[in-house]
Amino acid sequence: MPGLMQNRRTAPRTTFIAVIEVTEIVSGTRLAARTSDLSLTGCYVDTLNPTSEGTAVHVRLTHGAEELELTARIVYVSPRLGMGVRFDDNLPPAKLQVLERWVGDTK
């Protein structure tokens, strides 16, 4: 359960609703869902059918007229509720700027 899990977040998260498409890199399996929060290092995806913990994924976030594509990994799963996604380290500056703006817009 999320409340019992150790908080391993390295950046504060803020409420952020966006459309997200998660694609497993190895299998190509796609999942369309929505985020419920976002940080500079990851997001939480609301979904009844989360991808397995540890899976490498490609994510496409859509917020308004903007899209952001990132590689990431599933770091935890809450069965039938959702999953935590951690973006890969060393994001290009342009992608980091979009995340900074999106996180800043919600404050």
PDB file of N, CA and C in Angstrom:
ATOM      1  N   MET A   1       0.836  -1.178   0.000  1.00  0.00           N
ATOM      2  CA  MET A   1       0.000   0.000   0.000  1.00  0.00           C
ATOM      3  C   MET A   1       0.881   1.242   0.000  1.00  0.00           C
ATOM      4  N   PRO A   2       0.478   2.276  -0.724  1.00  0.00           N
ATOM      5  CA  PRO A   2       1.305   3.462  -0.802  1.00  0.00           C
ATOM      6  C   PRO A   2       1.632   4.069   0.541  1.00  0.00           C
ATOM      7  N   GLY A   3       0.719   4.066   1.496  1.00  0.00           N
ATOM      8  CA  GLY A   3       0.964   4.665   2.789  1.00  0.00           C
ATOM      9  C   GLY A   3       1.997   3.914   3.618  1.00  0.00           C
ATOM     10  N   LEU A   4       2.204   2.644   3.327  1.00  0.00           N
ATOM     11  CA  LEU A   4       3.144   1.835   4.079  1.00  0.00           C
ATOM     12  C   LEU A   4       4.517   1.770   3.430  1.00  0.00           C
ATOM     13  N   MET A   5       4.633   2.286   2.221  1.00  0.00           N
ATOM     14  CA  MET A   5       5.888   2.208   1.494  1.00  0.00           C
ATOM     15  C   MET A   5       6.855   3.270   1.985  1.00  0.00           C
ATOM     16  N   GLN A   6       8.130   2.936   1.966  1.00  0.00           N
ATOM     17  CA  GLN A   6       9.161   3.905   2.321  1.00  0.00           C
ATOM     18  C   GLN A   6       9.228   4.959   1.228  1.00  0.00           C
ATOM     19  N   ASN A   7       9.297   6.225   1.596  1.00  0.00           N
ATOM     20  CA  ASN A   7       9.374   7.304   0.631  1.00  0.00           C
ATOM     21  C   ASN A   7      10.804   7.411   0.124  1.00  0.00           C
ATOM     22  N   ARG A   8      11.015   7.045  -1.147  1.00  0.00           N
ATOM     23  CA  ARG A   8      12.345   7.078  -1.744  1.00  0.00           C
ATOM     24  C   ARG A   8      12.473   8.224  -2.742  1.00  0.00           C
ATOM     25  N   ARG A   9      11.543   9.125  -2.735  1.00  0.00           N
ATOM     26  CA  ARG A   9      11.557  10.228  -3.683  1.00  0.00           C
ATOM     27  C   ARG A   9      12.720  11.174  -3.406  1.00  0.00           C
ATOM     28  N   THR A  10      13.335  11.634  -4.484  1.00  0.00           N
ATOM     29  CA  THR A  10      14.450  12.565  -4.345  1.00  0.00           C
ATOM     30  C   THR A  10      14.041  13.984  -4.707  1.00  0.00           C
ATOM     31  N   ALA A  11      12.824  14.168  -5.186  1.00  0.00           N
ATOM     32  CA  ALA A  11      12.319  15.497  -5.545  1.00  0.00           C
ATOM     33  C   ALA A  11      10.867  15.590  -5.117  1.00  0.00           C
ATOM     34  N   PRO A  12      10.442  16.741  -4.633  1.00  0.00           N
ATOM     35  CA  PRO A  12       9.038  16.889  -4.244  1.00  0.00           C
ATOM     36  C   PRO A  12       8.108  16.737  -5.439  1.00  0.00           C
ATOM     37  N   ARG A  13       6.965  16.116  -5.187  1.00  0.00           N
ATOM     38  CA  ARG A  13       5.964  15.942  -6.239  1.00  0.00           C
ATOM     39  C   ARG A  13       4.812  16.889  -5.991  1.00  0.00           C
ATOM     40  N   THR A  14       4.154  17.235  -7.094  1.00  0.00           N
ATOM     41  CA  THR A  14       3.004  18.117  -7.015  1.00  0.00           C
ATOM     42  C   THR A  14       1.871  17.503  -7.833  1.00  0.00           C
ATOM     43  N   THR A  15       0.650  17.797  -7.462  1.00  0.00           N
ATOM     44  CA  THR A  15      -0.493  17.295  -8.215  1.00  0.00           C
ATOM     45  C   THR A  15      -0.400  17.777  -9.650  1.00  0.00           C
ATOM     46  N   PHE A  16      -0.538  16.855 -10.586  1.00  0.00           N
ATOM     47  CA  PHE A  16      -0.400  17.196 -12.008  1.00  0.00           C
ATOM     48  C   PHE A  16      -1.141  16.150 -12.821  1.00  0.00           C
ATOM     49  N   ILE A  17      -2.181  16.578 -13.511  1.00  0.00           N
ATOM     50  CA  ILE A  17      -2.959  15.657 -14.336  1.00  0.00           C
ATOM     51  C   ILE A  17      -2.535  15.842 -15.789  1.00  0.00           C
ATOM     52  N   ALA A  18      -2.099  14.749 -16.403  1.00  0.00           N
ATOM     53  CA  ALA A  18      -1.710  14.757 -17.811  1.00  0.00           C
ATOM     54  C   ALA A  18      -2.015  13.387 -18.401  1.00  0.00           C
ATOM     55  N   VAL A  19      -2.200  13.356 -19.694  1.00  0.00           N
ATOM     56  CA  VAL A  19      -2.334  12.082 -20.400  1.00  0.00           C
ATOM     57  C   VAL A  19      -0.937  11.486 -20.519  1.00  0.00           C
ATOM     58  N   ILE A  20      -0.827  10.185 -20.297  1.00  0.00           N
ATOM     59  CA  ILE A  20       0.466   9.523 -20.431  1.00  0.00           C
ATOM     60  C   ILE A  20       0.296   8.222 -21.200  1.00  0.00           C
ATOM     61  N   GLU A  21       1.223   7.979 -22.106  1.00  0.00           N
ATOM     62  CA  GLU A  21       1.296   6.699 -22.796  1.00  0.00           C
ATOM     63  C   GLU A  21       2.594   6.049 -22.347  1.00  0.00           C
ATOM     64  N   VAL A  22       2.495   4.841 -21.806  1.00  0.00           N
ATOM     65  CA  VAL A  22       3.649   4.094 -21.317  1.00  0.00           C
ATOM     66  C   VAL A  22       3.861   2.908 -22.257  1.00  0.00           C
ATOM     67  N   THR A  23       5.059   2.808 -22.823  1.00  0.00           N
ATOM     68  CA  THR A  23       5.385   1.713 -23.738  1.00  0.00           C
ATOM     69  C   THR A  23       6.562   0.928 -23.170  1.00  0.00           C
ATOM     70  N   GLU A  24       6.357  -0.373 -22.970  1.00  0.00           N
ATOM     71  CA  GLU A  24       7.450  -1.225 -22.500  1.00  0.00           C
ATOM     72  C   GLU A  24       8.491  -1.310 -23.614  1.00  0.00           C
ATOM     73  N   ILE A  25       9.742  -1.040 -23.283  1.00  0.00           N
ATOM     74  CA  ILE A  25      10.787  -1.000 -24.304  1.00  0.00           C
ATOM     75  C   ILE A  25      11.018  -2.373 -24.928  1.00  0.00           C
ATOM     76  N   VAL A  26      11.047  -3.433 -24.144  1.00  0.00           N
ATOM     77  CA  VAL A  26      11.338  -4.763 -24.671  1.00  0.00           C
ATOM     78  C   VAL A  26      10.175  -5.342 -25.470  1.00  0.00           C
ATOM     79  N   SER A  27       8.962  -5.288 -24.937  1.00  0.00           N
ATOM     80  CA  SER A  27       7.820  -5.945 -25.588  1.00  0.00           C
ATOM     81  C   SER A  27       7.034  -5.046 -26.529  1.00  0.00           C
ATOM     82  N   GLY A  28       7.136  -3.738 -26.336  1.00  0.00           N
ATOM     83  CA  GLY A  28       6.338  -2.814 -27.146  1.00  0.00           C
ATOM     84  C   GLY A  28       4.910  -2.655 -26.659  1.00  0.00           C
ATOM     85  N   THR A  29       4.555  -3.308 -25.554  1.00  0.00           N
ATOM     86  CA  THR A  29       3.211  -3.188 -24.995  1.00  0.00           C
ATOM     87  C   THR A  29       2.953  -1.750 -24.580  1.00  0.00           C
ATOM     88  N   ARG A  30       1.773  -1.228 -24.971  1.00  0.00           N
ATOM     89  CA  ARG A  30       1.417   0.160 -24.663  1.00  0.00           C
ATOM     90  C   ARG A  30       0.252   0.224 -23.693  1.00  0.00           C
ATOM     91  N   LEU A  31       0.301   1.265 -22.879  1.00  0.00           N
ATOM     92  CA  LEU A  31      -0.740   1.516 -21.901  1.00  0.00           C
ATOM     93  C   LEU A  31      -1.051   3.005 -21.931  1.00  0.00           C
ATOM     94  N   ALA A  32      -2.309   3.349 -22.094  1.00  0.00           N
ATOM     95  CA  ALA A  32      -2.736   4.746 -22.024  1.00  0.00           C
ATOM     96  C   ALA A  32      -3.374   4.974 -20.662  1.00  0.00           C
ATOM     97  N   ALA A  33      -2.983   6.064 -20.005  1.00  0.00           N
ATOM     98  CA  ALA A  33      -3.491   6.353 -18.658  1.00  0.00           C
ATOM     99  C   ALA A  33      -3.384   7.852 -18.399  1.00  0.00           C
ATOM    100  N   ARG A  34      -3.354   8.216 -17.112  1.00  0.00           N
ATOM    101  CA  ARG A  34      -3.154   9.616 -16.744  1.00  0.00           C
ATOM    102  C   ARG A  34      -2.275   9.671 -15.510  1.00  0.00           C
ATOM    103  N   THR A  35      -1.606  10.797 -15.360  1.00  0.00           N
ATOM    104  CA  THR A  35      -0.786  11.003 -14.176  1.00  0.00           C
ATOM    105  C   THR A  35      -1.645  11.629 -13.090  1.00  0.00           C
ATOM    106  N   SER A  36      -1.191  11.479 -11.853  1.00  0.00           N
ATOM    107  CA  SER A  36      -1.847  12.188 -10.755  1.00  0.00           C
ATOM    108  C   SER A  36      -0.873  13.125 -10.057  1.00  0.00           C
ATOM    109  N   ASP A  37       0.423  12.880 -10.231  1.00  0.00           N
ATOM    110  CA  ASP A  37       1.414  13.820  -9.720  1.00  0.00           C
ATOM    111  C   ASP A  37       2.680  13.745 -10.559  1.00  0.00           C
ATOM    112  N   LEU A  38       3.537  14.767 -10.391  1.00  0.00           N
ATOM    113  CA  LEU A  38       4.725  14.910 -11.219  1.00  0.00           C
ATOM    114  C   LEU A  38       5.830  15.573 -10.413  1.00  0.00           C
ATOM    115  N   SER A  39       7.068  15.177 -10.695  1.00  0.00           N
ATOM    116  CA  SER A  39       8.239  15.854 -10.148  1.00  0.00           C
ATOM    117  C   SER A  39       9.282  15.928 -11.261  1.00  0.00           C
ATOM    118  N   LEU A  40      10.433  16.469 -10.941  1.00  0.00           N
ATOM    119  CA  LEU A  40      11.505  16.532 -11.927  1.00  0.00           C
ATOM    120  C   LEU A  40      12.133  15.167 -12.171  1.00  0.00           C
ATOM    121  N   THR A  41      11.834  14.198 -11.304  1.00  0.00           N
ATOM    122  CA  THR A  41      12.447  12.878 -11.431  1.00  0.00           C
ATOM    123  C   THR A  41      11.469  11.757 -11.762  1.00  0.00           C
ATOM    124  N   GLY A  42      10.155  12.034 -11.727  1.00  0.00           N
ATOM    125  CA  GLY A  42       9.205  10.963 -12.016  1.00  0.00           C
ATOM    126  C   GLY A  42       7.769  11.398 -11.880  1.00  0.00           C
ATOM    127  N   CYS A  43       6.884  10.415 -11.956  1.00  0.00           N
ATOM    128  CA  CYS A  43       5.455  10.695 -11.831  1.00  0.00           C
ATOM    129  C   CYS A  43       4.740   9.446 -11.331  1.00  0.00           C
ATOM    130  N   TYR A  44       3.488   9.633 -10.935  1.00  0.00           N
ATOM    131  CA  TYR A  44       2.632   8.513 -10.563  1.00  0.00           C
ATOM    132  C   TYR A  44       1.577   8.370 -11.643  1.00  0.00           C
ATOM    133  N   VAL A  45       1.369   7.138 -12.086  1.00  0.00           N
ATOM    134  CA  VAL A  45       0.411   6.841 -13.151  1.00  0.00           C
ATOM    135  C   VAL A  45      -0.766   6.092 -12.558  1.00  0.00           C
ATOM    136  N   ASP A  46      -1.962   6.656 -12.704  1.00  0.00           N
ATOM    137  CA  ASP A  46      -3.188   5.983 -12.276  1.00  0.00           C
ATOM    138  C   ASP A  46      -3.573   4.960 -13.336  1.00  0.00           C
ATOM    139  N   THR A  47      -3.617   3.684 -12.968  1.00  0.00           N
ATOM    140  CA  THR A  47      -4.020   2.634 -13.900  1.00  0.00           C
ATOM    141  C   THR A  47      -4.422   1.386 -13.126  1.00  0.00           C
ATOM    142  N   LEU A  48      -5.429   0.701 -13.621  1.00  0.00           N
ATOM    143  CA  LEU A  48      -5.850  -0.557 -13.004  1.00  0.00           C
ATOM    144  C   LEU A  48      -4.890  -1.688 -13.325  1.00  0.00           C
ATOM    145  N   ASN A  49      -4.112  -1.550 -14.403  1.00  0.00           N
ATOM    146  CA  ASN A  49      -3.214  -2.616 -14.866  1.00  0.00           C
ATOM    147  C   ASN A  49      -1.775  -2.118 -14.972  1.00  0.00           C
ATOM    148  N   PRO A  50      -1.117  -1.909 -13.841  1.00  0.00           N
ATOM    149  CA  PRO A  50       0.251  -1.385 -13.893  1.00  0.00           C
ATOM    150  C   PRO A  50       1.235  -2.377 -14.506  1.00  0.00           C
ATOM    151  N   THR A  51       2.297  -1.829 -15.061  1.00  0.00           N
ATOM    152  CA  THR A  51       3.403  -2.602 -15.610  1.00  0.00           C
ATOM    153  C   THR A  51       4.270  -3.102 -14.459  1.00  0.00           C
ATOM    154  N   SER A  52       4.952  -4.190 -14.638  1.00  0.00           N
ATOM    155  CA  SER A  52       5.759  -4.791 -13.567  1.00  0.00           C
ATOM    156  C   SER A  52       6.883  -3.882 -13.094  1.00  0.00           C
ATOM    157  N   GLU A  53       7.146  -3.935 -11.807  1.00  0.00           N
ATOM    158  CA  GLU A  53       8.246  -3.174 -11.218  1.00  0.00           C
ATOM    159  C   GLU A  53       9.559  -3.549 -11.893  1.00  0.00           C
ATOM    160  N   GLY A  54      10.383  -2.545 -12.167  1.00  0.00           N
ATOM    161  CA  GLY A  54      11.680  -2.763 -12.797  1.00  0.00           C
ATOM    162  C   GLY A  54      11.668  -2.688 -14.311  1.00  0.00           C
ATOM    163  N   THR A  55      10.490  -2.614 -14.914  1.00  0.00           N
ATOM    164  CA  THR A  55      10.386  -2.585 -16.372  1.00  0.00           C
ATOM    165  C   THR A  55      10.876  -1.253 -16.932  1.00  0.00           C
ATOM    166  N   ALA A  56      11.723  -1.324 -17.957  1.00  0.00           N
ATOM    167  CA  ALA A  56      12.180  -0.126 -18.663  1.00  0.00           C
ATOM    168  C   ALA A  56      11.070   0.282 -19.638  1.00  0.00           C
ATOM    169  N   VAL A  57      10.744   1.575 -19.630  1.00  0.00           N
ATOM    170  CA  VAL A  57       9.631   2.066 -20.445  1.00  0.00           C
ATOM    171  C   VAL A  57       9.998   3.375 -21.139  1.00  0.00           C
ATOM    172  N   HIS A  58       9.222   3.675 -22.137  1.00  0.00           N
ATOM    173  CA  HIS A  58       9.257   4.967 -22.809  1.00  0.00           C
ATOM    174  C   HIS A  58       7.924   5.617 -22.463  1.00  0.00           C
ATOM    175  N   VAL A  59       7.942   6.872 -22.003  1.00  0.00           N
ATOM    176  CA  VAL A  59       6.697   7.552 -21.668  1.00  0.00           C
ATOM    177  C   VAL A  59       6.520   8.786 -22.543  1.00  0.00           C
ATOM    178  N   ARG A  60       5.274   9.035 -22.904  1.00  0.00           N
ATOM    179  CA  ARG A  60       4.916  10.260 -23.608  1.00  0.00           C
ATOM    180  C   ARG A  60       3.853  10.951 -22.781  1.00  0.00           C
ATOM    181  N   LEU A  61       4.218  12.101 -22.215  1.00  0.00           N
ATOM    182  CA  LEU A  61       3.292  12.911 -21.427  1.00  0.00           C
ATOM    183  C   LEU A  61       2.709  13.991 -22.319  1.00  0.00           C
ATOM    184  N   THR A  62       1.398  14.184 -22.233  1.00  0.00           N
ATOM    185  CA  THR A  62       0.739  15.238 -22.987  1.00  0.00           C
ATOM    186  C   THR A  62      -0.021  16.120 -22.008  1.00  0.00           C
ATOM    187  N   HIS A  63       0.312  17.415 -22.052  1.00  0.00           N
ATOM    188  CA  HIS A  63      -0.327  18.388 -21.173  1.00  0.00           C
ATOM    189  C   HIS A  63      -0.644  19.607 -22.026  1.00  0.00           C
ATOM    190  N   GLY A  64      -1.929  19.881 -22.192  1.00  0.00           N
ATOM    191  CA  GLY A  64      -2.320  20.962 -23.098  1.00  0.00           C
ATOM    192  C   GLY A  64      -1.877  20.611 -24.510  1.00  0.00           C
ATOM    193  N   ALA A  65      -1.188  21.531 -25.148  1.00  0.00           N
ATOM    194  CA  ALA A  65      -0.729  21.311 -26.518  1.00  0.00           C
ATOM    195  C   ALA A  65       0.705  20.787 -26.566  1.00  0.00           C
ATOM    196  N   GLU A  66       1.299  20.501 -25.400  1.00  0.00           N
ATOM    197  CA  GLU A  66       2.699  20.064 -25.353  1.00  0.00           C
ATOM    198  C   GLU A  66       2.816  18.569 -25.102  1.00  0.00           C
ATOM    199  N   GLU A  67       3.863  17.978 -25.680  1.00  0.00           N
ATOM    200  CA  GLU A  67       4.208  16.581 -25.419  1.00  0.00           C
ATOM    201  C   GLU A  67       5.651  16.506 -24.968  1.00  0.00           C
ATOM    202  N   LEU A  68       5.929  15.543 -24.116  1.00  0.00           N
ATOM    203  CA  LEU A  68       7.275  15.318 -23.627  1.00  0.00           C
ATOM    204  C   LEU A  68       7.518  13.818 -23.630  1.00  0.00           C
ATOM    205  N   GLU A  69       8.580  13.384 -24.311  1.00  0.00           N
ATOM    206  CA  GLU A  69       8.907  11.965 -24.377  1.00  0.00           C
ATOM    207  C   GLU A  69      10.189  11.701 -23.607  1.00  0.00           C
ATOM    208  N   LEU A  70      10.132  10.668 -22.745  1.00  0.00           N
ATOM    209  CA  LEU A  70      11.253  10.347 -21.866  1.00  0.00           C
ATOM    210  C   LEU A  70      11.392   8.835 -21.727  1.00  0.00           C
ATOM    211  N   THR A  71      12.601   8.370 -21.439  1.00  0.00           N
ATOM    212  CA  THR A  71      12.772   6.981 -21.044  1.00  0.00           C
ATOM    213  C   THR A  71      12.725   6.939 -19.520  1.00  0.00           C
ATOM    214  N   ALA A  72      12.268   5.821 -18.990  1.00  0.00           N
ATOM    215  CA  ALA A  72      12.037   5.737 -17.553  1.00  0.00           C
ATOM    216  C   ALA A  72      12.024   4.278 -17.115  1.00  0.00           C
ATOM    217  N   ARG A  73      11.754   4.073 -15.835  1.00  0.00           N
ATOM    218  CA  ARG A  73      11.649   2.731 -15.269  1.00  0.00           C
ATOM    219  C   ARG A  73      10.531   2.726 -14.236  1.00  0.00           C
ATOM    220  N   ILE A  74       9.801   1.621 -14.173  1.00  0.00           N
ATOM    221  CA  ILE A  74       8.761   1.459 -13.150  1.00  0.00           C
ATOM    222  C   ILE A  74       9.472   1.117 -11.845  1.00  0.00           C
ATOM    223  N   VAL A  75       9.280   1.952 -10.820  1.00  0.00           N
ATOM    224  CA  VAL A  75      10.006   1.740  -9.562  1.00  0.00           C
ATOM    225  C   VAL A  75       9.150   1.141  -8.458  1.00  0.00           C
ATOM    226  N   TYR A  76       7.839   1.261  -8.564  1.00  0.00           N
ATOM    227  CA  TYR A  76       6.968   0.551  -7.632  1.00  0.00           C
ATOM    228  C   TYR A  76       5.581   0.421  -8.236  1.00  0.00           C
ATOM    229  N   VAL A  77       4.860  -0.564  -7.741  1.00  0.00           N
ATOM    230  CA  VAL A  77       3.525  -0.862  -8.251  1.00  0.00           C
ATOM    231  C   VAL A  77       2.559  -0.950  -7.091  1.00  0.00           C
ATOM    232  N   SER A  78       1.408  -0.325  -7.245  1.00  0.00           N
ATOM    233  CA  SER A  78       0.291  -0.468  -6.320  1.00  0.00           C
ATOM    234  C   SER A  78      -0.784  -1.225  -7.093  1.00  0.00           C
ATOM    235  N   PRO A  79      -0.908  -2.546  -6.860  1.00  0.00           N
ATOM    236  CA  PRO A  79      -1.840  -3.346  -7.656  1.00  0.00           C
ATOM    237  C   PRO A  79      -3.233  -2.727  -7.737  1.00  0.00           C
ATOM    238  N   ARG A  80      -3.761  -2.672  -8.953  1.00  0.00           N
ATOM    239  CA  ARG A  80      -5.087  -2.164  -9.289  1.00  0.00           C
ATOM    240  C   ARG A  80      -5.270  -0.674  -8.960  1.00  0.00           C
ATOM    241  N   LEU A  81      -4.160   0.034  -8.683  1.00  0.00           N
ATOM    242  CA  LEU A  81      -4.221   1.466  -8.412  1.00  0.00           C
ATOM    243  C   LEU A  81      -3.321   2.279  -9.329  1.00  0.00           C
ATOM    244  N   GLY A  82      -2.087   1.795  -9.513  1.00  0.00           N
ATOM    245  CA  GLY A  82      -1.168   2.547 -10.346  1.00  0.00           C
ATOM    246  C   GLY A  82       0.270   2.148 -10.138  1.00  0.00           C
ATOM    247  N   MET A  83       1.173   3.040 -10.598  1.00  0.00           N
ATOM    248  CA  MET A  83       2.602   2.733 -10.525  1.00  0.00           C
ATOM    249  C   MET A  83       3.423   4.014 -10.488  1.00  0.00           C
ATOM    250  N   GLY A  84       4.570   3.901  -9.832  1.00  0.00           N
ATOM    251  CA  GLY A  84       5.518   5.004  -9.775  1.00  0.00           C
ATOM    252  C   GLY A  84       6.530   4.852 -10.885  1.00  0.00           C
ATOM    253  N   VAL A  85       6.779   5.935 -11.596  1.00  0.00           N
ATOM    254  CA  VAL A  85       7.705   5.948 -12.722  1.00  0.00           C
ATOM    255  C   VAL A  85       8.850   6.896 -12.389  1.00  0.00           C
ATOM    256  N   ARG A  86      10.068   6.431 -12.586  1.00  0.00           N
ATOM    257  CA  ARG A  86      11.245   7.287 -12.393  1.00  0.00           C
ATOM    258  C   ARG A  86      11.873   7.545 -13.756  1.00  0.00           C
ATOM    259  N   PHE A  87      12.000   8.822 -14.091  1.00  0.00           N
ATOM    260  CA  PHE A  87      12.617   9.197 -15.355  1.00  0.00           C
ATOM    261  C   PHE A  87      14.110   8.902 -15.294  1.00  0.00           C
ATOM    262  N   ASP A  88      14.706   8.576 -16.457  1.00  0.00           N
ATOM    263  CA  ASP A  88      16.139   8.350 -16.510  1.00  0.00           C
ATOM    264  C   ASP A  88      16.895   9.602 -16.097  1.00  0.00           C
ATOM    265  N   ASP A  89      18.049   9.403 -15.512  1.00  0.00           N
ATOM    266  CA  ASP A  89      18.902  10.524 -15.109  1.00  0.00           C
ATOM    267  C   ASP A  89      19.453  11.234 -16.343  1.00  0.00           C
ATOM    268  N   ASN A  90      19.993  12.394 -16.115  1.00  0.00           N
ATOM    269  CA  ASN A  90      20.654  13.172 -17.168  1.00  0.00           C
ATOM    270  C   ASN A  90      19.724  13.525 -18.330  1.00  0.00           C
ATOM    271  N   LEU A  91      18.587  14.099 -17.997  1.00  0.00           N
ATOM    272  CA  LEU A  91      17.666  14.562 -19.032  1.00  0.00           C
ATOM    273  C   LEU A  91      18.311  15.704 -19.805  1.00  0.00           C
ATOM    274  N   PRO A  92      18.067  15.764 -21.119  1.00  0.00           N
ATOM    275  CA  PRO A  92      18.558  16.906 -21.889  1.00  0.00           C
ATOM    276  C   PRO A  92      17.952  18.200 -21.328  1.00  0.00           C
ATOM    277  N   PRO A  93      18.690  19.303 -21.381  1.00  0.00           N
ATOM    278  CA  PRO A  93      18.208  20.567 -20.807  1.00  0.00           C
ATOM    279  C   PRO A  93      16.825  20.993 -21.303  1.00  0.00           C
ATOM    280  N   ALA A  94      16.524  20.795 -22.579  1.00  0.00           N
ATOM    281  CA  ALA A  94      15.220  21.211 -23.110  1.00  0.00           C
ATOM    282  C   ALA A  94      14.082  20.429 -22.447  1.00  0.00           C
ATOM    283  N   LYS A  95      14.277  19.142 -22.209  1.00  0.00           N
ATOM    284  CA  LYS A  95      13.237  18.329 -21.562  1.00  0.00           C
ATOM    285  C   LYS A  95      13.114  18.693 -20.087  1.00  0.00           C
ATOM    286  N   LEU A  96      14.239  18.942 -19.446  1.00  0.00           N
ATOM    287  CA  LEU A  96      14.218  19.348 -18.043  1.00  0.00           C
ATOM    288  C   LEU A  96      13.501  20.687 -17.881  1.00  0.00           C
ATOM    289  N   GLN A  97      13.676  21.593 -18.820  1.00  0.00           N
ATOM    290  CA  GLN A  97      12.993  22.888 -18.768  1.00  0.00           C
ATOM    291  C   GLN A  97      11.482  22.725 -18.835  1.00  0.00           C
ATOM    292  N   VAL A  98      11.007  21.800 -19.681  1.00  0.00           N
ATOM    293  CA  VAL A  98       9.566  21.548 -19.766  1.00  0.00           C
ATOM    294  C   VAL A  98       9.065  21.026 -18.420  1.00  0.00           C
ATOM    295  N   LEU A  99       9.760  20.045 -17.839  1.00  0.00           N
ATOM    296  CA  LEU A  99       9.354  19.515 -16.535  1.00  0.00           C
ATOM    297  C   LEU A  99       9.361  20.604 -15.467  1.00  0.00           C
ATOM    298  N   GLU A 100      10.399  21.432 -15.458  1.00  0.00           N
ATOM    299  CA  GLU A 100      10.470  22.519 -14.471  1.00  0.00           C
ATOM    300  C   GLU A 100       9.285  23.471 -14.619  1.00  0.00           C
ATOM    301  N   ARG A 101       8.922  23.777 -15.848  1.00  0.00           N
ATOM    302  CA  ARG A 101       7.789  24.680 -16.074  1.00  0.00           C
ATOM    303  C   ARG A 101       6.494  24.018 -15.623  1.00  0.00           C
ATOM    304  N   TRP A 102       6.290  22.738 -15.992  1.00  0.00           N
ATOM    305  CA  TRP A 102       5.060  22.050 -15.605  1.00  0.00           C
ATOM    306  C   TRP A 102       4.945  21.949 -14.090  1.00  0.00           C
ATOM    307  N   VAL A 103       6.017  21.593 -13.416  1.00  0.00           N
ATOM    308  CA  VAL A 103       5.984  21.485 -11.951  1.00  0.00           C
ATOM    309  C   VAL A 103       5.752  22.874 -11.348  1.00  0.00           C
ATOM    310  N   GLY A 104       6.396  23.885 -11.895  1.00  0.00           N
ATOM    311  CA  GLY A 104       6.243  25.250 -11.395  1.00  0.00           C
ATOM    312  C   GLY A 104       4.865  25.829 -11.638  1.00  0.00           C
ATOM    313  N   ASP A 105       4.197  25.417 -12.734  1.00  0.00           N
ATOM    314  CA  ASP A 105       2.863  25.920 -13.059  1.00  0.00           C
ATOM    315  C   ASP A 105       1.810  25.461 -12.068  1.00  0.00           C
ATOM    316  N   THR A 106       2.083  24.409 -11.324  1.00  0.00           N
ATOM    317  CA  THR A 106       1.080  23.868 -10.406  1.00  0.00           C
ATOM    318  C   THR A 106       1.213  24.419  -9.000  1.00  0.00           C
ATOM    319  N   LYS A 107       2.247  25.207  -8.759  1.00  0.00           N
ATOM    320  CA  LYS A 107       2.466  25.732  -7.401  1.00  0.00           C
ATOM    321  C   LYS A 107       1.663  26.988  -7.166  1.00  0.00           C
TER     322      LYS A 107
END
